[in-house]
Amino acid sequence: MSGAASSLAVAVPQALHPPLAPSVGDTGSGPDAADFRLAMRRLPGAVSIVATRHAGVSAGMVATSVASLCADPPSLTVGIGHGVSMYPLLMQSGRFSVNVLTVRQENLIALFSGALKGEARFAHGGWDVEDDLPILPAAQATLVCEVADRLAYGAHDVIVGRILSIRNAAHAAPLIWQDGAPHASRRLAP
């Protein structure tokens, strides 16, 4: 091109769908908590158990808020509530494991969501302790992390975990949480 300025026109397509109607009872001041919870139930997520250990005490919780952050350095994020029983141990330990569940581990959801407390949770599922962290060998993937950073937001922290080691199973059969219930994922036909 010569030194002359050029302009590009970008065509913006018309909306493919009509705009969303406001929820019943919407006052225009933003979404209410019930609408938010319903929308998040529509967002499927892989089910993981995040576990930590400090001074010989193990703690763990079910999480669907685990997300990849970046590959260099390998890292992930997980949201953890300040009131969750494992939060103080995680802050003291500074290390945790993310154990991505398979469809065969559906029974662990209730156990790590409040049906059992503390160490009793780890009596189920075949847990090991490696390098002083709870590890679920039968998980489809286990990522051992150290807390690299955290962002407090509302009643939660977004924890950045720098991945120290990874163990992957040969086959993937992820357990998915959607609309308040466990589901199995399946590949769509080509």
N, C-alpha and C. Protein backbone atom coordinates (compact mmCIF):
# COMPACT_ATOMS: atom_id res chain seq x y z
N MET A 1 0.84 -1.18 0.00
CA MET A 1 0.00 0.00 0.00
C MET A 1 0.87 1.23 0.00
N SER A 2 0.32 2.28 -0.55
CA SER A 2 1.03 3.55 -0.49
C SER A 2 0.82 4.13 0.89
N GLY A 3 1.35 5.29 1.15
CA GLY A 3 1.25 5.94 2.44
C GLY A 3 -0.16 6.40 2.76
N ALA A 4 -1.09 6.27 1.84
CA ALA A 4 -2.46 6.73 2.09
C ALA A 4 -3.14 5.82 3.10
N ALA A 5 -3.97 6.42 3.91
CA ALA A 5 -4.71 5.65 4.90
C ALA A 5 -5.79 4.85 4.20
N SER A 6 -6.03 3.67 4.71
CA SER A 6 -7.10 2.86 4.15
C SER A 6 -8.12 2.58 5.24
N SER A 7 -9.32 2.35 4.82
CA SER A 7 -10.34 2.00 5.81
C SER A 7 -11.01 0.72 5.37
N LEU A 8 -11.32 -0.10 6.33
CA LEU A 8 -12.01 -1.35 6.05
C LEU A 8 -13.40 -1.27 6.63
N ALA A 9 -14.35 -1.65 5.85
CA ALA A 9 -15.73 -1.70 6.35
C ALA A 9 -15.98 -3.12 6.83
N VAL A 10 -16.49 -3.26 8.02
CA VAL A 10 -16.79 -4.56 8.58
C VAL A 10 -18.29 -4.67 8.71
N ALA A 11 -18.83 -5.68 8.07
CA ALA A 11 -20.27 -5.90 8.15
C ALA A 11 -20.57 -6.69 9.42
N VAL A 12 -21.49 -6.21 10.20
CA VAL A 12 -21.90 -6.91 11.41
C VAL A 12 -23.21 -7.62 11.10
N PRO A 13 -23.22 -8.97 11.22
CA PRO A 13 -24.45 -9.69 10.88
C PRO A 13 -25.55 -9.38 11.88
N GLN A 14 -26.78 -9.49 11.40
CA GLN A 14 -27.94 -9.32 12.27
C GLN A 14 -27.93 -10.45 13.29
N ALA A 15 -28.55 -10.21 14.41
CA ALA A 15 -28.62 -11.22 15.47
C ALA A 15 -29.26 -12.49 14.94
N LEU A 16 -28.69 -13.63 15.29
CA LEU A 16 -29.25 -14.91 14.89
C LEU A 16 -30.44 -15.29 15.75
N HIS A 17 -30.49 -14.75 16.94
CA HIS A 17 -31.57 -15.05 17.87
C HIS A 17 -32.14 -13.74 18.40
N PRO A 18 -33.41 -13.74 18.75
CA PRO A 18 -33.96 -12.51 19.35
C PRO A 18 -33.30 -12.26 20.70
N PRO A 19 -33.29 -11.01 21.15
CA PRO A 19 -32.68 -10.73 22.45
C PRO A 19 -33.43 -11.47 23.55
N LEU A 20 -32.69 -11.79 24.62
CA LEU A 20 -33.31 -12.48 25.75
C LEU A 20 -34.27 -11.54 26.45
N ALA A 21 -35.41 -12.07 26.80
CA ALA A 21 -36.39 -11.28 27.55
C ALA A 21 -35.96 -11.21 29.00
N PRO A 22 -36.25 -10.11 29.67
CA PRO A 22 -35.91 -10.04 31.09
C PRO A 22 -36.67 -11.12 31.86
N SER A 23 -36.08 -11.56 32.96
CA SER A 23 -36.71 -12.57 33.80
C SER A 23 -37.93 -11.98 34.48
N VAL A 24 -38.84 -12.84 34.85
CA VAL A 24 -40.02 -12.42 35.60
C VAL A 24 -39.54 -11.77 36.90
N GLY A 25 -40.06 -10.61 37.20
CA GLY A 25 -39.66 -9.92 38.42
C GLY A 25 -38.40 -9.09 38.27
N ASP A 26 -37.84 -9.02 37.06
CA ASP A 26 -36.62 -8.24 36.83
C ASP A 26 -36.93 -6.76 37.04
N THR A 27 -36.19 -6.15 37.90
CA THR A 27 -36.40 -4.73 38.21
C THR A 27 -35.51 -3.83 37.36
N GLY A 28 -34.66 -4.45 36.53
CA GLY A 28 -33.76 -3.65 35.71
C GLY A 28 -32.46 -3.31 36.42
N SER A 29 -32.31 -3.72 37.66
CA SER A 29 -31.09 -3.40 38.41
C SER A 29 -30.06 -4.50 38.34
N GLY A 30 -30.23 -5.45 37.46
CA GLY A 30 -29.30 -6.55 37.33
C GLY A 30 -29.96 -7.86 37.70
N PRO A 31 -29.30 -8.96 37.41
CA PRO A 31 -29.91 -10.27 37.66
C PRO A 31 -30.01 -10.55 39.16
N ASP A 32 -31.04 -11.31 39.51
CA ASP A 32 -31.15 -11.72 40.91
C ASP A 32 -30.44 -13.06 41.10
N ALA A 33 -30.27 -13.45 42.34
CA ALA A 33 -29.52 -14.66 42.67
C ALA A 33 -30.16 -15.92 42.08
N ALA A 34 -31.49 -15.99 42.05
CA ALA A 34 -32.16 -17.17 41.50
C ALA A 34 -31.88 -17.31 40.00
N ASP A 35 -31.91 -16.20 39.27
CA ASP A 35 -31.60 -16.24 37.84
C ASP A 35 -30.15 -16.66 37.60
N PHE A 36 -29.26 -16.15 38.42
CA PHE A 36 -27.84 -16.51 38.29
C PHE A 36 -27.66 -18.00 38.52
N ARG A 37 -28.24 -18.53 39.60
CA ARG A 37 -28.10 -19.96 39.89
C ARG A 37 -28.68 -20.81 38.76
N LEU A 38 -29.82 -20.41 38.21
CA LEU A 38 -30.41 -21.15 37.10
C LEU A 38 -29.50 -21.11 35.88
N ALA A 39 -28.94 -19.97 35.57
CA ALA A 39 -28.03 -19.86 34.43
C ALA A 39 -26.79 -20.75 34.63
N MET A 40 -26.25 -20.79 35.83
CA MET A 40 -25.07 -21.61 36.10
C MET A 40 -25.39 -23.10 36.06
N ARG A 41 -26.64 -23.47 36.33
CA ARG A 41 -27.05 -24.87 36.20
C ARG A 41 -27.02 -25.30 34.73
N ARG A 42 -27.11 -24.33 33.83
CA ARG A 42 -27.07 -24.62 32.39
C ARG A 42 -25.63 -24.75 31.88
N LEU A 43 -24.67 -24.41 32.71
CA LEU A 43 -23.26 -24.45 32.32
C LEU A 43 -22.64 -25.76 32.80
N PRO A 44 -22.47 -26.74 31.91
CA PRO A 44 -21.90 -28.02 32.35
C PRO A 44 -20.44 -27.87 32.73
N GLY A 45 -20.01 -28.68 33.69
CA GLY A 45 -18.62 -28.64 34.11
C GLY A 45 -18.14 -30.01 34.52
N ALA A 46 -16.87 -30.28 34.27
CA ALA A 46 -16.27 -31.53 34.73
C ALA A 46 -16.23 -31.52 36.25
N VAL A 47 -16.48 -32.68 36.85
CA VAL A 47 -16.48 -32.80 38.30
C VAL A 47 -15.10 -33.24 38.77
N SER A 48 -14.53 -32.47 39.67
CA SER A 48 -13.22 -32.78 40.26
C SER A 48 -13.33 -32.77 41.77
N ILE A 49 -12.42 -33.45 42.42
CA ILE A 49 -12.25 -33.30 43.86
C ILE A 49 -10.93 -32.60 44.07
N VAL A 50 -11.01 -31.45 44.72
CA VAL A 50 -9.81 -30.69 45.08
C VAL A 50 -9.48 -31.11 46.51
N ALA A 51 -8.24 -31.52 46.74
CA ALA A 51 -7.85 -32.03 48.06
C ALA A 51 -6.53 -31.40 48.50
N THR A 52 -6.39 -31.29 49.82
CA THR A 52 -5.16 -30.76 50.40
C THR A 52 -4.87 -31.50 51.69
N ARG A 53 -3.72 -31.24 52.26
CA ARG A 53 -3.32 -31.89 53.51
C ARG A 53 -2.34 -30.97 54.22
N HIS A 54 -2.54 -30.84 55.53
CA HIS A 54 -1.62 -30.04 56.34
C HIS A 54 -1.55 -30.65 57.74
N ALA A 55 -0.36 -30.82 58.24
CA ALA A 55 -0.12 -31.36 59.58
C ALA A 55 -0.84 -32.69 59.78
N GLY A 56 -0.83 -33.54 58.73
CA GLY A 56 -1.42 -34.86 58.81
C GLY A 56 -2.92 -34.92 58.69
N VAL A 57 -3.57 -33.80 58.40
CA VAL A 57 -5.03 -33.74 58.26
C VAL A 57 -5.37 -33.47 56.80
N SER A 58 -6.23 -34.33 56.22
CA SER A 58 -6.66 -34.18 54.82
C SER A 58 -8.03 -33.52 54.76
N ALA A 59 -8.25 -32.75 53.72
CA ALA A 59 -9.55 -32.13 53.47
C ALA A 59 -9.77 -32.08 51.97
N GLY A 60 -11.04 -32.16 51.56
CA GLY A 60 -11.33 -32.12 50.14
C GLY A 60 -12.75 -31.66 49.88
N MET A 61 -12.98 -31.24 48.66
CA MET A 61 -14.30 -30.76 48.25
C MET A 61 -14.51 -31.05 46.77
N VAL A 62 -15.78 -31.14 46.38
CA VAL A 62 -16.14 -31.28 44.98
C VAL A 62 -16.09 -29.90 44.33
N ALA A 63 -15.56 -29.84 43.11
CA ALA A 63 -15.49 -28.56 42.40
C ALA A 63 -15.81 -28.77 40.93
N THR A 64 -16.61 -27.85 40.39
CA THR A 64 -16.81 -27.79 38.95
C THR A 64 -16.23 -26.49 38.41
N SER A 65 -15.58 -25.74 39.28
CA SER A 65 -15.03 -24.44 38.89
C SER A 65 -13.56 -24.51 38.51
N VAL A 66 -13.04 -25.69 38.23
CA VAL A 66 -11.64 -25.83 37.81
C VAL A 66 -11.54 -25.45 36.34
N ALA A 67 -10.54 -24.64 36.02
CA ALA A 67 -10.35 -24.23 34.61
C ALA A 67 -8.87 -24.11 34.29
N SER A 68 -8.52 -24.44 33.08
CA SER A 68 -7.17 -24.25 32.59
C SER A 68 -6.87 -22.75 32.53
N LEU A 69 -5.68 -22.35 32.95
CA LEU A 69 -5.30 -20.95 32.86
C LEU A 69 -4.31 -20.74 31.72
N CYS A 70 -3.18 -21.42 31.76
CA CYS A 70 -2.21 -21.30 30.66
C CYS A 70 -1.26 -22.49 30.68
N ALA A 71 -0.55 -22.67 29.58
CA ALA A 71 0.38 -23.78 29.44
C ALA A 71 1.80 -23.39 29.79
N ASP A 72 2.10 -22.09 29.85
CA ASP A 72 3.46 -21.65 30.15
C ASP A 72 3.42 -20.50 31.13
N PRO A 73 3.54 -20.73 32.42
CA PRO A 73 3.75 -22.04 33.04
C PRO A 73 2.43 -22.79 33.17
N PRO A 74 2.48 -24.12 33.17
CA PRO A 74 1.25 -24.89 33.31
C PRO A 74 0.53 -24.48 34.60
N SER A 75 -0.72 -24.05 34.45
CA SER A 75 -1.46 -23.57 35.62
C SER A 75 -2.95 -23.67 35.38
N LEU A 76 -3.69 -23.64 36.49
CA LEU A 76 -5.13 -23.73 36.44
C LEU A 76 -5.71 -22.81 37.51
N THR A 77 -7.03 -22.62 37.47
CA THR A 77 -7.71 -21.86 38.51
C THR A 77 -8.81 -22.73 39.10
N VAL A 78 -9.14 -22.43 40.35
CA VAL A 78 -10.28 -23.08 41.01
C VAL A 78 -10.86 -22.08 42.00
N GLY A 79 -12.18 -22.03 42.06
CA GLY A 79 -12.86 -21.16 43.01
C GLY A 79 -13.15 -21.92 44.30
N ILE A 80 -12.78 -21.34 45.44
CA ILE A 80 -13.00 -21.98 46.74
C ILE A 80 -13.59 -20.96 47.69
N GLY A 81 -14.71 -21.31 48.29
CA GLY A 81 -15.38 -20.43 49.24
C GLY A 81 -14.60 -20.30 50.54
N HIS A 82 -14.62 -19.11 51.11
CA HIS A 82 -13.92 -18.86 52.37
C HIS A 82 -14.46 -19.71 53.50
N GLY A 83 -15.73 -20.10 53.45
CA GLY A 83 -16.35 -20.89 54.50
C GLY A 83 -16.23 -22.39 54.33
N VAL A 84 -15.60 -22.85 53.26
CA VAL A 84 -15.45 -24.28 53.01
C VAL A 84 -14.44 -24.85 54.00
N SER A 85 -14.71 -26.05 54.51
CA SER A 85 -13.87 -26.63 55.55
C SER A 85 -12.41 -26.79 55.13
N MET A 86 -12.14 -26.99 53.85
CA MET A 86 -10.75 -27.18 53.44
C MET A 86 -9.99 -25.86 53.25
N TYR A 87 -10.69 -24.73 53.22
CA TYR A 87 -10.04 -23.45 52.94
C TYR A 87 -8.87 -23.14 53.89
N PRO A 88 -9.05 -23.24 55.21
CA PRO A 88 -7.91 -22.91 56.08
C PRO A 88 -6.72 -23.86 55.89
N LEU A 89 -7.02 -25.15 55.68
CA LEU A 89 -5.91 -26.10 55.45
C LEU A 89 -5.17 -25.78 54.16
N LEU A 90 -5.91 -25.41 53.12
CA LEU A 90 -5.27 -25.05 51.85
C LEU A 90 -4.38 -23.83 52.02
N MET A 91 -4.86 -22.84 52.76
CA MET A 91 -4.06 -21.64 52.97
C MET A 91 -2.79 -21.94 53.78
N GLN A 92 -2.86 -22.90 54.68
CA GLN A 92 -1.69 -23.28 55.47
C GLN A 92 -0.73 -24.15 54.66
N SER A 93 -1.28 -25.08 53.91
CA SER A 93 -0.47 -26.02 53.13
C SER A 93 0.17 -25.36 51.91
N GLY A 94 -0.63 -24.57 51.19
CA GLY A 94 -0.15 -23.95 49.96
C GLY A 94 -0.06 -24.92 48.79
N ARG A 95 -0.57 -26.14 48.97
CA ARG A 95 -0.52 -27.15 47.91
C ARG A 95 -1.85 -27.89 47.86
N PHE A 96 -2.20 -28.40 46.68
CA PHE A 96 -3.44 -29.14 46.52
C PHE A 96 -3.37 -30.04 45.30
N SER A 97 -4.27 -31.02 45.28
CA SER A 97 -4.41 -31.88 44.10
C SER A 97 -5.79 -31.66 43.51
N VAL A 98 -5.86 -31.71 42.20
CA VAL A 98 -7.14 -31.68 41.48
C VAL A 98 -7.29 -33.06 40.85
N ASN A 99 -8.33 -33.77 41.26
CA ASN A 99 -8.57 -35.14 40.82
C ASN A 99 -9.84 -35.13 39.97
N VAL A 100 -9.68 -35.25 38.66
CA VAL A 100 -10.80 -35.16 37.71
C VAL A 100 -11.50 -36.52 37.68
N LEU A 101 -12.78 -36.54 38.09
CA LEU A 101 -13.50 -37.79 38.26
C LEU A 101 -13.97 -38.40 36.95
N THR A 102 -14.09 -39.73 36.98
CA THR A 102 -14.68 -40.48 35.87
C THR A 102 -16.14 -40.78 36.21
N VAL A 103 -16.89 -41.25 35.24
CA VAL A 103 -18.29 -41.59 35.47
C VAL A 103 -18.44 -42.68 36.53
N ARG A 104 -17.43 -43.50 36.71
CA ARG A 104 -17.48 -44.57 37.72
C ARG A 104 -17.29 -44.04 39.14
N GLN A 105 -16.99 -42.78 39.30
CA GLN A 105 -16.74 -42.20 40.62
C GLN A 105 -17.85 -41.27 41.08
N GLU A 106 -19.02 -41.41 40.49
CA GLU A 106 -20.17 -40.57 40.82
C GLU A 106 -20.49 -40.61 42.31
N ASN A 107 -20.29 -41.76 42.96
CA ASN A 107 -20.61 -41.90 44.38
C ASN A 107 -19.80 -40.95 45.27
N LEU A 108 -18.67 -40.47 44.80
CA LEU A 108 -17.84 -39.57 45.61
C LEU A 108 -18.41 -38.16 45.70
N ILE A 109 -19.31 -37.80 44.80
CA ILE A 109 -19.87 -36.45 44.81
C ILE A 109 -20.56 -36.16 46.14
N ALA A 110 -21.48 -37.01 46.55
CA ALA A 110 -22.21 -36.77 47.81
C ALA A 110 -21.28 -36.82 49.00
N LEU A 111 -20.33 -37.74 48.99
CA LEU A 111 -19.42 -37.89 50.13
C LEU A 111 -18.56 -36.65 50.35
N PHE A 112 -18.13 -36.02 49.25
CA PHE A 112 -17.28 -34.84 49.35
C PHE A 112 -18.08 -33.54 49.28
N SER A 113 -19.41 -33.65 49.30
CA SER A 113 -20.28 -32.47 49.28
C SER A 113 -21.04 -32.30 50.58
N GLY A 114 -20.66 -33.05 51.60
CA GLY A 114 -21.29 -32.85 52.90
C GLY A 114 -21.86 -34.08 53.56
N ALA A 115 -22.04 -35.20 52.82
CA ALA A 115 -22.57 -36.41 53.45
C ALA A 115 -21.61 -36.93 54.51
N LEU A 116 -20.33 -36.76 54.29
CA LEU A 116 -19.30 -37.11 55.27
C LEU A 116 -18.45 -35.87 55.52
N LYS A 117 -17.78 -35.86 56.65
CA LYS A 117 -16.94 -34.72 57.02
C LYS A 117 -15.48 -35.15 57.15
N GLY A 118 -14.57 -34.22 56.93
CA GLY A 118 -13.15 -34.40 57.20
C GLY A 118 -12.54 -35.66 56.62
N GLU A 119 -11.73 -36.32 57.45
CA GLU A 119 -10.98 -37.50 57.03
C GLU A 119 -11.87 -38.66 56.58
N ALA A 120 -13.11 -38.73 57.08
CA ALA A 120 -14.01 -39.83 56.71
C ALA A 120 -14.25 -39.88 55.21
N ARG A 121 -14.17 -38.75 54.55
CA ARG A 121 -14.38 -38.71 53.09
C ARG A 121 -13.34 -39.56 52.35
N PHE A 122 -12.13 -39.58 52.88
CA PHE A 122 -11.02 -40.24 52.19
C PHE A 122 -10.99 -41.75 52.41
N ALA A 123 -11.94 -42.28 53.17
CA ALA A 123 -12.05 -43.73 53.36
C ALA A 123 -12.75 -44.38 52.16
N HIS A 124 -13.20 -43.57 51.21
CA HIS A 124 -13.93 -44.06 50.04
C HIS A 124 -13.22 -43.64 48.76
N GLY A 125 -13.14 -44.54 47.81
CA GLY A 125 -12.60 -44.21 46.50
C GLY A 125 -11.18 -44.67 46.26
N GLY A 126 -10.49 -45.16 47.28
CA GLY A 126 -9.12 -45.66 47.07
C GLY A 126 -8.05 -44.59 47.06
N TRP A 127 -8.14 -43.62 47.96
CA TRP A 127 -7.18 -42.52 48.03
C TRP A 127 -5.81 -42.98 48.51
N ASP A 128 -4.76 -42.37 47.99
CA ASP A 128 -3.39 -42.53 48.47
C ASP A 128 -2.91 -41.17 48.95
N VAL A 129 -1.84 -41.17 49.73
CA VAL A 129 -1.15 -39.93 50.08
C VAL A 129 0.23 -40.02 49.46
N GLU A 130 0.50 -39.08 48.55
CA GLU A 130 1.80 -39.02 47.88
C GLU A 130 2.38 -37.63 48.07
N ASP A 131 3.61 -37.56 48.50
CA ASP A 131 4.27 -36.28 48.76
C ASP A 131 3.39 -35.40 49.66
N ASP A 132 2.76 -36.06 50.64
CA ASP A 132 1.91 -35.43 51.65
C ASP A 132 0.68 -34.73 51.07
N LEU A 133 0.14 -35.27 49.96
CA LEU A 133 -1.12 -34.78 49.39
C LEU A 133 -2.03 -35.95 49.07
N PRO A 134 -3.34 -35.81 49.30
CA PRO A 134 -4.28 -36.86 48.89
C PRO A 134 -4.36 -36.93 47.37
N ILE A 135 -4.24 -38.14 46.84
CA ILE A 135 -4.26 -38.40 45.40
C ILE A 135 -5.26 -39.53 45.15
N LEU A 136 -6.08 -39.39 44.14
CA LEU A 136 -7.05 -40.42 43.76
C LEU A 136 -6.51 -41.14 42.52
N PRO A 137 -5.83 -42.29 42.71
CA PRO A 137 -5.18 -42.97 41.57
C PRO A 137 -6.13 -43.34 40.43
N ALA A 138 -7.40 -43.60 40.73
CA ALA A 138 -8.34 -44.00 39.68
C ALA A 138 -8.97 -42.81 38.95
N ALA A 139 -8.60 -41.59 39.30
CA ALA A 139 -9.12 -40.41 38.60
C ALA A 139 -8.66 -40.43 37.15
N GLN A 140 -9.40 -39.77 36.27
CA GLN A 140 -8.97 -39.74 34.87
C GLN A 140 -7.79 -38.81 34.67
N ALA A 141 -7.62 -37.87 35.60
CA ALA A 141 -6.42 -37.03 35.62
C ALA A 141 -6.24 -36.50 37.03
N THR A 142 -4.99 -36.39 37.45
CA THR A 142 -4.66 -35.77 38.74
C THR A 142 -3.57 -34.75 38.48
N LEU A 143 -3.83 -33.54 38.95
CA LEU A 143 -2.87 -32.44 38.80
C LEU A 143 -2.47 -31.98 40.20
N VAL A 144 -1.20 -32.05 40.51
CA VAL A 144 -0.68 -31.59 41.79
C VAL A 144 -0.20 -30.16 41.60
N CYS A 145 -0.67 -29.28 42.48
CA CYS A 145 -0.43 -27.84 42.30
C CYS A 145 0.07 -27.19 43.58
N GLU A 146 0.74 -26.06 43.40
CA GLU A 146 1.03 -25.19 44.53
C GLU A 146 0.29 -23.87 44.28
N VAL A 147 -0.14 -23.24 45.35
CA VAL A 147 -0.84 -21.96 45.21
C VAL A 147 0.16 -20.92 44.73
N ALA A 148 -0.08 -20.40 43.54
CA ALA A 148 0.81 -19.38 42.97
C ALA A 148 0.28 -17.98 43.21
N ASP A 149 -1.05 -17.87 43.31
CA ASP A 149 -1.68 -16.57 43.52
C ASP A 149 -3.13 -16.82 43.90
N ARG A 150 -3.76 -15.78 44.38
CA ARG A 150 -5.19 -15.88 44.67
C ARG A 150 -5.81 -14.51 44.58
N LEU A 151 -7.07 -14.51 44.19
CA LEU A 151 -7.85 -13.29 44.06
C LEU A 151 -9.10 -13.45 44.90
N ALA A 152 -9.25 -12.61 45.91
CA ALA A 152 -10.46 -12.64 46.73
C ALA A 152 -11.56 -11.91 45.98
N TYR A 153 -12.73 -12.54 45.89
CA TYR A 153 -13.87 -11.92 45.24
C TYR A 153 -15.12 -12.41 45.95
N GLY A 154 -15.86 -11.50 46.55
CA GLY A 154 -17.03 -11.89 47.31
C GLY A 154 -16.64 -12.83 48.43
N ALA A 155 -17.35 -13.93 48.55
CA ALA A 155 -17.09 -14.91 49.61
C ALA A 155 -16.16 -16.02 49.15
N HIS A 156 -15.47 -15.83 48.03
CA HIS A 156 -14.61 -16.86 47.46
C HIS A 156 -13.22 -16.32 47.15
N ASP A 157 -12.30 -17.24 46.96
CA ASP A 157 -10.99 -16.95 46.37
C ASP A 157 -10.91 -17.68 45.05
N VAL A 158 -10.37 -17.03 44.05
CA VAL A 158 -9.97 -17.71 42.83
C VAL A 158 -8.50 -18.05 43.05
N ILE A 159 -8.23 -19.34 43.15
CA ILE A 159 -6.87 -19.82 43.42
C ILE A 159 -6.19 -20.12 42.09
N VAL A 160 -5.00 -19.59 41.90
CA VAL A 160 -4.17 -19.95 40.75
C VAL A 160 -3.22 -21.03 41.23
N GLY A 161 -3.31 -22.19 40.60
CA GLY A 161 -2.43 -23.30 40.95
C GLY A 161 -1.38 -23.51 39.88
N ARG A 162 -0.11 -23.41 40.28
CA ARG A 162 0.99 -23.76 39.35
C ARG A 162 1.14 -25.26 39.43
N ILE A 163 1.02 -25.93 38.28
CA ILE A 163 1.00 -27.38 38.24
C ILE A 163 2.42 -27.92 38.38
N LEU A 164 2.60 -28.80 39.38
CA LEU A 164 3.90 -29.40 39.65
C LEU A 164 4.05 -30.76 39.00
N SER A 165 2.94 -31.51 38.92
CA SER A 165 2.98 -32.82 38.26
C SER A 165 1.58 -33.18 37.78
N ILE A 166 1.55 -34.07 36.79
CA ILE A 166 0.30 -34.50 36.17
C ILE A 166 0.33 -36.01 35.98
N ARG A 167 -0.80 -36.63 36.27
CA ARG A 167 -0.98 -38.06 36.00
C ARG A 167 -2.27 -38.18 35.19
N ASN A 168 -2.20 -38.79 34.00
CA ASN A 168 -3.37 -38.97 33.14
C ASN A 168 -3.69 -40.45 32.99
N ALA A 169 -4.97 -40.79 33.04
CA ALA A 169 -5.41 -42.16 32.77
C ALA A 169 -5.36 -42.41 31.26
N ALA A 170 -5.37 -43.66 30.89
CA ALA A 170 -5.30 -44.02 29.46
C ALA A 170 -6.57 -43.63 28.71
N HIS A 171 -7.73 -43.70 29.37
CA HIS A 171 -9.00 -43.41 28.72
C HIS A 171 -9.73 -42.29 29.44
N ALA A 172 -10.45 -41.51 28.68
CA ALA A 172 -11.24 -40.41 29.25
C ALA A 172 -12.71 -40.79 29.29
N ALA A 173 -13.30 -40.67 30.46
CA ALA A 173 -14.75 -40.89 30.64
C ALA A 173 -15.20 -39.89 31.71
N PRO A 174 -15.19 -38.60 31.36
CA PRO A 174 -15.42 -37.58 32.39
C PRO A 174 -16.82 -37.56 32.96
N LEU A 175 -16.88 -37.27 34.24
CA LEU A 175 -18.13 -37.06 34.94
C LEU A 175 -18.47 -35.58 34.83
N ILE A 176 -19.66 -35.28 34.35
CA ILE A 176 -20.08 -33.90 34.09
C ILE A 176 -21.21 -33.54 35.04
N TRP A 177 -21.23 -32.30 35.52
CA TRP A 177 -22.32 -31.80 36.35
C TRP A 177 -23.10 -30.78 35.53
N GLN A 178 -24.39 -31.02 35.39
CA GLN A 178 -25.24 -30.09 34.64
C GLN A 178 -26.65 -30.15 35.20
N ASP A 179 -27.25 -29.00 35.35
CA ASP A 179 -28.62 -28.87 35.82
C ASP A 179 -28.85 -29.61 37.14
N GLY A 180 -27.84 -29.52 38.01
CA GLY A 180 -27.97 -30.08 39.35
C GLY A 180 -27.83 -31.57 39.45
N ALA A 181 -27.28 -32.22 38.42
CA ALA A 181 -27.17 -33.67 38.45
C ALA A 181 -25.94 -34.13 37.65
N PRO A 182 -25.43 -35.34 37.99
CA PRO A 182 -24.28 -35.86 37.24
C PRO A 182 -24.72 -36.41 35.88
N HIS A 183 -23.83 -36.27 34.92
CA HIS A 183 -24.06 -36.78 33.57
C HIS A 183 -22.76 -37.37 33.04
N ALA A 184 -22.89 -38.21 32.05
CA ALA A 184 -21.73 -38.73 31.33
C ALA A 184 -21.62 -37.96 30.03
N SER A 185 -20.39 -37.70 29.62
CA SER A 185 -20.22 -37.04 28.32
C SER A 185 -20.12 -38.12 27.25
N ARG A 186 -20.46 -37.73 26.05
CA ARG A 186 -20.29 -38.66 24.94
C ARG A 186 -19.91 -37.87 23.72
N ARG A 187 -19.17 -38.51 22.86
CA ARG A 187 -18.75 -37.87 21.62
C ARG A 187 -19.93 -37.78 20.67
N LEU A 188 -20.08 -36.65 20.02
CA LEU A 188 -21.14 -36.49 19.03
C LEU A 188 -20.75 -37.20 17.74
N ALA A 189 -21.72 -37.78 17.09
CA ALA A 189 -21.46 -38.50 15.83
C ALA A 189 -20.96 -37.50 14.80
N PRO A 190 -19.97 -37.92 14.00
CA PRO A 190 -19.44 -37.01 12.97
C PRO A 190 -20.45 -36.68 11.90
